PDB file of N, CA and C in Angstrom:
ATOM      1  N   MET A   1      61.505 176.303 -99.366  1.00  0.00           N
ATOM      2  CA  MET A   1      61.177 175.209-100.235  1.00  0.00           C
ATOM      3  C   MET A   1      61.521 173.872 -99.569  1.00  0.00           C
ATOM      4  N   LEU A   2      62.724 173.723 -99.059  1.00  0.00           N
ATOM      5  CA  LEU A   2      63.106 172.481 -98.394  1.00  0.00           C
ATOM      6  C   LEU A   2      62.307 172.258 -97.121  1.00  0.00           C
ATOM      7  N   GLU A   3      61.979 173.340 -96.445  1.00  0.00           N
ATOM      8  CA  GLU A   3      61.246 173.233 -95.188  1.00  0.00           C
ATOM      9  C   GLU A   3      59.847 172.663 -95.374  1.00  0.00           C
ATOM     10  N   ALA A   4      59.329 172.689 -96.593  1.00  0.00           N
ATOM     11  CA  ALA A   4      57.994 172.156 -96.875  1.00  0.00           C
ATOM     12  C   ALA A   4      57.980 170.629 -96.845  1.00  0.00           C
ATOM     13  N   ASP A   5      59.132 169.999 -96.976  1.00  0.00           N
ATOM     14  CA  ASP A   5      59.226 168.539 -96.954  1.00  0.00           C
ATOM     15  C   ASP A   5      59.333 168.076 -95.506  1.00  0.00           C
ATOM     16  N   PRO A   6      58.400 167.247 -95.029  1.00  0.00           N
ATOM     17  CA  PRO A   6      58.437 166.830 -93.623  1.00  0.00           C
ATOM     18  C   PRO A   6      59.637 165.948 -93.268  1.00  0.00           C
ATOM     19  N   GLY A   7      60.337 165.416 -94.252  1.00  0.00           N
ATOM     20  CA  GLY A   7      61.498 164.574 -93.990  1.00  0.00           C
ATOM     21  C   GLY A   7      62.808 165.332 -93.971  1.00  0.00           C
ATOM     22  N   ILE A   8      62.764 166.647 -94.158  1.00  0.00           N
ATOM     23  CA  ILE A   8      63.976 167.465 -94.189  1.00  0.00           C
ATOM     24  C   ILE A   8      63.906 168.510 -93.084  1.00  0.00           C
ATOM     25  N   TRP A   9      64.985 168.616 -92.308  1.00  0.00           N
ATOM     26  CA  TRP A   9      65.081 169.640 -91.273  1.00  0.00           C
ATOM     27  C   TRP A   9      66.186 170.606 -91.657  1.00  0.00           C
ATOM     28  N   VAL A  10      65.845 171.875 -91.768  1.00  0.00           N
ATOM     29  CA  VAL A  10      66.852 172.905 -92.029  1.00  0.00           C
ATOM     30  C   VAL A  10      67.450 173.271 -90.677  1.00  0.00           C
ATOM     31  N   THR A  11      68.734 173.007 -90.510  1.00  0.00           N
ATOM     32  CA  THR A  11      69.376 173.229 -89.214  1.00  0.00           C
ATOM     33  C   THR A  11      70.203 174.503 -89.160  1.00  0.00           C
ATOM     34  N   GLY A  12      70.494 175.083 -90.307  1.00  0.00           N
ATOM     35  CA  GLY A  12      71.282 176.302 -90.307  1.00  0.00           C
ATOM     36  C   GLY A  12      71.275 176.970 -91.655  1.00  0.00           C
ATOM     37  N   GLU A  13      71.539 178.251 -91.637  1.00  0.00           N
ATOM     38  CA  GLU A  13      71.628 179.033 -92.865  1.00  0.00           C
ATOM     39  C   GLU A  13      72.783 180.012 -92.717  1.00  0.00           C
ATOM     40  N   ALA A  14      73.394 180.358 -93.839  1.00  0.00           N
ATOM     41  CA  ALA A  14      74.481 181.337 -93.847  1.00  0.00           C
ATOM     42  C   ALA A  14      74.355 182.187 -95.102  1.00  0.00           C
ATOM     43  N   GLY A  15      74.625 183.452 -94.980  1.00  0.00           N
ATOM     44  CA  GLY A  15      74.504 184.363 -96.104  1.00  0.00           C
ATOM     45  C   GLY A  15      75.793 184.610 -96.862  1.00  0.00           C
ATOM     46  N   THR A  16      76.895 184.129 -96.308  1.00  0.00           N
ATOM     47  CA  THR A  16      78.190 184.305 -96.962  1.00  0.00           C
ATOM     48  C   THR A  16      78.949 182.981 -96.965  1.00  0.00           C
ATOM     49  N   ALA A  17      79.900 182.869 -97.868  1.00  0.00           N
ATOM     50  CA  ALA A  17      80.709 181.646 -97.946  1.00  0.00           C
ATOM     51  C   ALA A  17      81.494 181.408 -96.652  1.00  0.00           C
ATOM     52  N   PRO A  18      82.181 182.406 -96.082  1.00  0.00           N
ATOM     53  CA  PRO A  18      82.905 182.170 -94.828  1.00  0.00           C
ATOM     54  C   PRO A  18      81.971 181.751 -93.682  1.00  0.00           C
ATOM     55  N   ALA A  19      80.789 182.337 -93.627  1.00  0.00           N
ATOM     56  CA  ALA A  19      79.837 181.957 -92.577  1.00  0.00           C
ATOM     57  C   ALA A  19      79.398 180.506 -92.753  1.00  0.00           C
ATOM     58  N   ALA A  20      79.225 180.070 -93.991  1.00  0.00           N
ATOM     59  CA  ALA A  20      78.854 178.676 -94.252  1.00  0.00           C
ATOM     60  C   ALA A  20      79.955 177.734 -93.792  1.00  0.00           C
ATOM     61  N   LEU A  21      81.208 178.105 -94.006  1.00  0.00           N
ATOM     62  CA  LEU A  21      82.327 177.246 -93.622  1.00  0.00           C
ATOM     63  C   LEU A  21      82.485 177.149 -92.105  1.00  0.00           C
ATOM     64  N   VAL A  22      82.001 178.130 -91.380  1.00  0.00           N
ATOM     65  CA  VAL A  22      82.009 178.077 -89.914  1.00  0.00           C
ATOM     66  C   VAL A  22      80.805 177.285 -89.416  1.00  0.00           C
ATOM     67  N   THR A  23      79.669 177.481 -90.065  1.00  0.00           N
ATOM     68  CA  THR A  23      78.422 176.860 -89.631  1.00  0.00           C
ATOM     69  C   THR A  23      78.397 175.353 -89.868  1.00  0.00           C
ATOM     70  N   MET A  24      78.884 174.896 -91.010  1.00  0.00           N
ATOM     71  CA  MET A  24      78.788 173.468 -91.347  1.00  0.00           C
ATOM     72  C   MET A  24      79.461 172.557 -90.320  1.00  0.00           C
ATOM     73  N   PRO A  25      80.714 172.778 -89.949  1.00  0.00           N
ATOM     74  CA  PRO A  25      81.328 171.871 -88.974  1.00  0.00           C
ATOM     75  C   PRO A  25      80.652 171.955 -87.602  1.00  0.00           C
ATOM     76  N   ALA A  26      80.151 173.124 -87.250  1.00  0.00           N
ATOM     77  CA  ALA A  26      79.504 173.280 -85.952  1.00  0.00           C
ATOM     78  C   ALA A  26      78.185 172.509 -85.882  1.00  0.00           C
ATOM     79  N   LEU A  27      77.440 172.476 -86.981  1.00  0.00           N
ATOM     80  CA  LEU A  27      76.134 171.810 -86.998  1.00  0.00           C
ATOM     81  C   LEU A  27      76.207 170.352 -87.425  1.00  0.00           C
ATOM     82  N   ARG A  28      77.267 169.979 -88.125  1.00  0.00           N
ATOM     83  CA  ARG A  28      77.484 168.609 -88.598  1.00  0.00           C
ATOM     84  C   ARG A  28      76.261 168.040 -89.327  1.00  0.00           C
ATOM     85  N   PRO A  29      75.824 168.688 -90.395  1.00  0.00           N
ATOM     86  CA  PRO A  29      74.644 168.202 -91.119  1.00  0.00           C
ATOM     87  C   PRO A  29      74.948 166.922 -91.894  1.00  0.00           C
ATOM     88  N   ASP A  30      73.911 166.139 -92.158  1.00  0.00           N
ATOM     89  CA  ASP A  30      74.048 164.958 -93.017  1.00  0.00           C
ATOM     90  C   ASP A  30      74.254 165.374 -94.467  1.00  0.00           C
ATOM     91  N   ALA A  31      73.690 166.510 -94.838  1.00  0.00           N
ATOM     92  CA  ALA A  31      73.825 167.044 -96.197  1.00  0.00           C
ATOM     93  C   ALA A  31      73.789 168.565 -96.117  1.00  0.00           C
ATOM     94  N   ALA A  32      74.388 169.204 -97.105  1.00  0.00           N
ATOM     95  CA  ALA A  32      74.391 170.662 -97.151  1.00  0.00           C
ATOM     96  C   ALA A  32      74.091 171.125 -98.570  1.00  0.00           C
ATOM     97  N   VAL A  33      73.305 172.181 -98.661  1.00  0.00           N
ATOM     98  CA  VAL A  33      73.037 172.835 -99.943  1.00  0.00           C
ATOM     99  C   VAL A  33      73.850 174.117 -99.915  1.00  0.00           C
ATOM    100  N   LEU A  34      74.823 174.210-100.829  1.00  0.00           N
ATOM    101  CA  LEU A  34      75.736 175.351-100.838  1.00  0.00           C
ATOM    102  C   LEU A  34      75.450 176.262-102.019  1.00  0.00           C
ATOM    103  N   GLY A  35      75.550 177.560-101.784  1.00  0.00           N
ATOM    104  CA  GLY A  35      75.333 178.536-102.839  1.00  0.00           C
ATOM    105  C   GLY A  35      76.533 178.668-103.757  1.00  0.00           C
ATOM    106  N   ALA A  36      76.251 178.730-105.038  1.00  0.00           N
ATOM    107  CA  ALA A  36      77.318 178.909-106.014  1.00  0.00           C
ATOM    108  C   ALA A  36      77.473 180.377-106.394  1.00  0.00           C
ATOM    109  N   GLN A  37      76.546 181.215-105.984  1.00  0.00           N
ATOM    110  CA  GLN A  37      76.614 182.633-106.330  1.00  0.00           C
ATOM    111  C   GLN A  37      76.292 183.489-105.117  1.00  0.00           C
ATOM    112  N   LEU A  38      77.142 183.427-104.113  1.00  0.00           N
ATOM    113  CA  LEU A  38      76.986 184.277-102.939  1.00  0.00           C
ATOM    114  C   LEU A  38      77.706 185.592-103.183  1.00  0.00           C
ATOM    115  N   PRO A  39      77.366 186.637-102.436  1.00  0.00           N
ATOM    116  CA  PRO A  39      77.972 187.953-102.664  1.00  0.00           C
ATOM    117  C   PRO A  39      79.499 187.954-102.549  1.00  0.00           C
ATOM    118  N   ASP A  40      80.041 187.051-101.738  1.00  0.00           N
ATOM    119  CA  ASP A  40      81.487 187.051-101.503  1.00  0.00           C
ATOM    120  C   ASP A  40      82.193 185.866-102.139  1.00  0.00           C
ATOM    121  N   GLY A  41      81.525 185.142-102.990  1.00  0.00           N
ATOM    122  CA  GLY A  41      82.185 184.037-103.671  1.00  0.00           C
ATOM    123  C   GLY A  41      81.338 182.790-103.752  1.00  0.00           C
ATOM    124  N   ASP A  42      81.981 181.734-104.096  1.00  0.00           N
ATOM    125  CA  ASP A  42      81.349 180.449-104.355  1.00  0.00           C
ATOM    126  C   ASP A  42      81.597 179.521-103.163  1.00  0.00           C
ATOM    127  N   ALA A  43      80.577 179.219-102.390  1.00  0.00           N
ATOM    128  CA  ALA A  43      80.734 178.384-101.195  1.00  0.00           C
ATOM    129  C   ALA A  43      81.138 176.965-101.560  1.00  0.00           C
ATOM    130  N   VAL A  44      80.721 176.490-102.710  1.00  0.00           N
ATOM    131  CA  VAL A  44      81.062 175.133-103.134  1.00  0.00           C
ATOM    132  C   VAL A  44      82.575 175.014-103.318  1.00  0.00           C
ATOM    133  N   SER A  45      83.183 175.949-104.037  1.00  0.00           N
ATOM    134  CA  SER A  45      84.635 175.921-104.259  1.00  0.00           C
ATOM    135  C   SER A  45      85.401 176.117-102.962  1.00  0.00           C
ATOM    136  N   GLN A  46      84.922 177.014-102.121  1.00  0.00           N
ATOM    137  CA  GLN A  46      85.614 177.263-100.854  1.00  0.00           C
ATOM    138  C   GLN A  46      85.549 176.038 -99.947  1.00  0.00           C
ATOM    139  N   ALA A  47      84.417 175.359 -99.903  1.00  0.00           N
ATOM    140  CA  ALA A  47      84.296 174.144 -99.086  1.00  0.00           C
ATOM    141  C   ALA A  47      85.187 173.049 -99.649  1.00  0.00           C
ATOM    142  N   SER A  48      85.225 172.908-100.958  1.00  0.00           N
ATOM    143  CA  SER A  48      86.066 171.887-101.583  1.00  0.00           C
ATOM    144  C   SER A  48      87.535 172.106-101.276  1.00  0.00           C
ATOM    145  N   SER A  49      87.952 173.346-101.239  1.00  0.00           N
ATOM    146  CA  SER A  49      89.360 173.646-100.977  1.00  0.00           C
ATOM    147  C   SER A  49      89.745 173.388 -99.527  1.00  0.00           C
ATOM    148  N   LYS A  50      88.775 173.284 -98.633  1.00  0.00           N
ATOM    149  CA  LYS A  50      89.054 173.052 -97.214  1.00  0.00           C
ATOM    150  C   LYS A  50      89.248 171.580 -96.883  1.00  0.00           C
ATOM    151  N   GLY A  51      88.857 170.687 -97.780  1.00  0.00           N
ATOM    152  CA  GLY A  51      89.091 169.262 -97.543  1.00  0.00           C
ATOM    153  C   GLY A  51      87.839 168.485 -97.207  1.00  0.00           C
ATOM    154  N   PRO A  52      88.006 167.188 -96.950  1.00  0.00           N
ATOM    155  CA  PRO A  52      86.876 166.284 -96.780  1.00  0.00           C
ATOM    156  C   PRO A  52      85.948 166.603 -95.606  1.00  0.00           C
ATOM    157  N   LYS A  53      86.424 167.286 -94.608  1.00  0.00           N
ATOM    158  CA  LYS A  53      85.568 167.605 -93.467  1.00  0.00           C
ATOM    159  C   LYS A  53      84.401 168.496 -93.889  1.00  0.00           C
ATOM    160  N   TYR A  54      84.540 169.203 -95.010  1.00  0.00           N
ATOM    161  CA  TYR A  54      83.501 170.087 -95.497  1.00  0.00           C
ATOM    162  C   TYR A  54      82.680 169.477 -96.626  1.00  0.00           C
ATOM    163  N   LEU A  55      83.061 168.304 -97.080  1.00  0.00           N
ATOM    164  CA  LEU A  55      82.369 167.702 -98.223  1.00  0.00           C
ATOM    165  C   LEU A  55      81.470 166.577 -97.796  1.00  0.00           C
TER     166      LEU A  55
END
């Protein structure tokens, strides 16, 4: 869905909350869409608990 917008580049994807927390700092995106219902938990809460570098 996001890839259909020519002004948005999807630079990474992760299927689990821990994978997202590793991927985000490595890719340094301008914005991130985080899943609230991943199989292993809530990526939004996990990112928030890690501090401003993830927000």
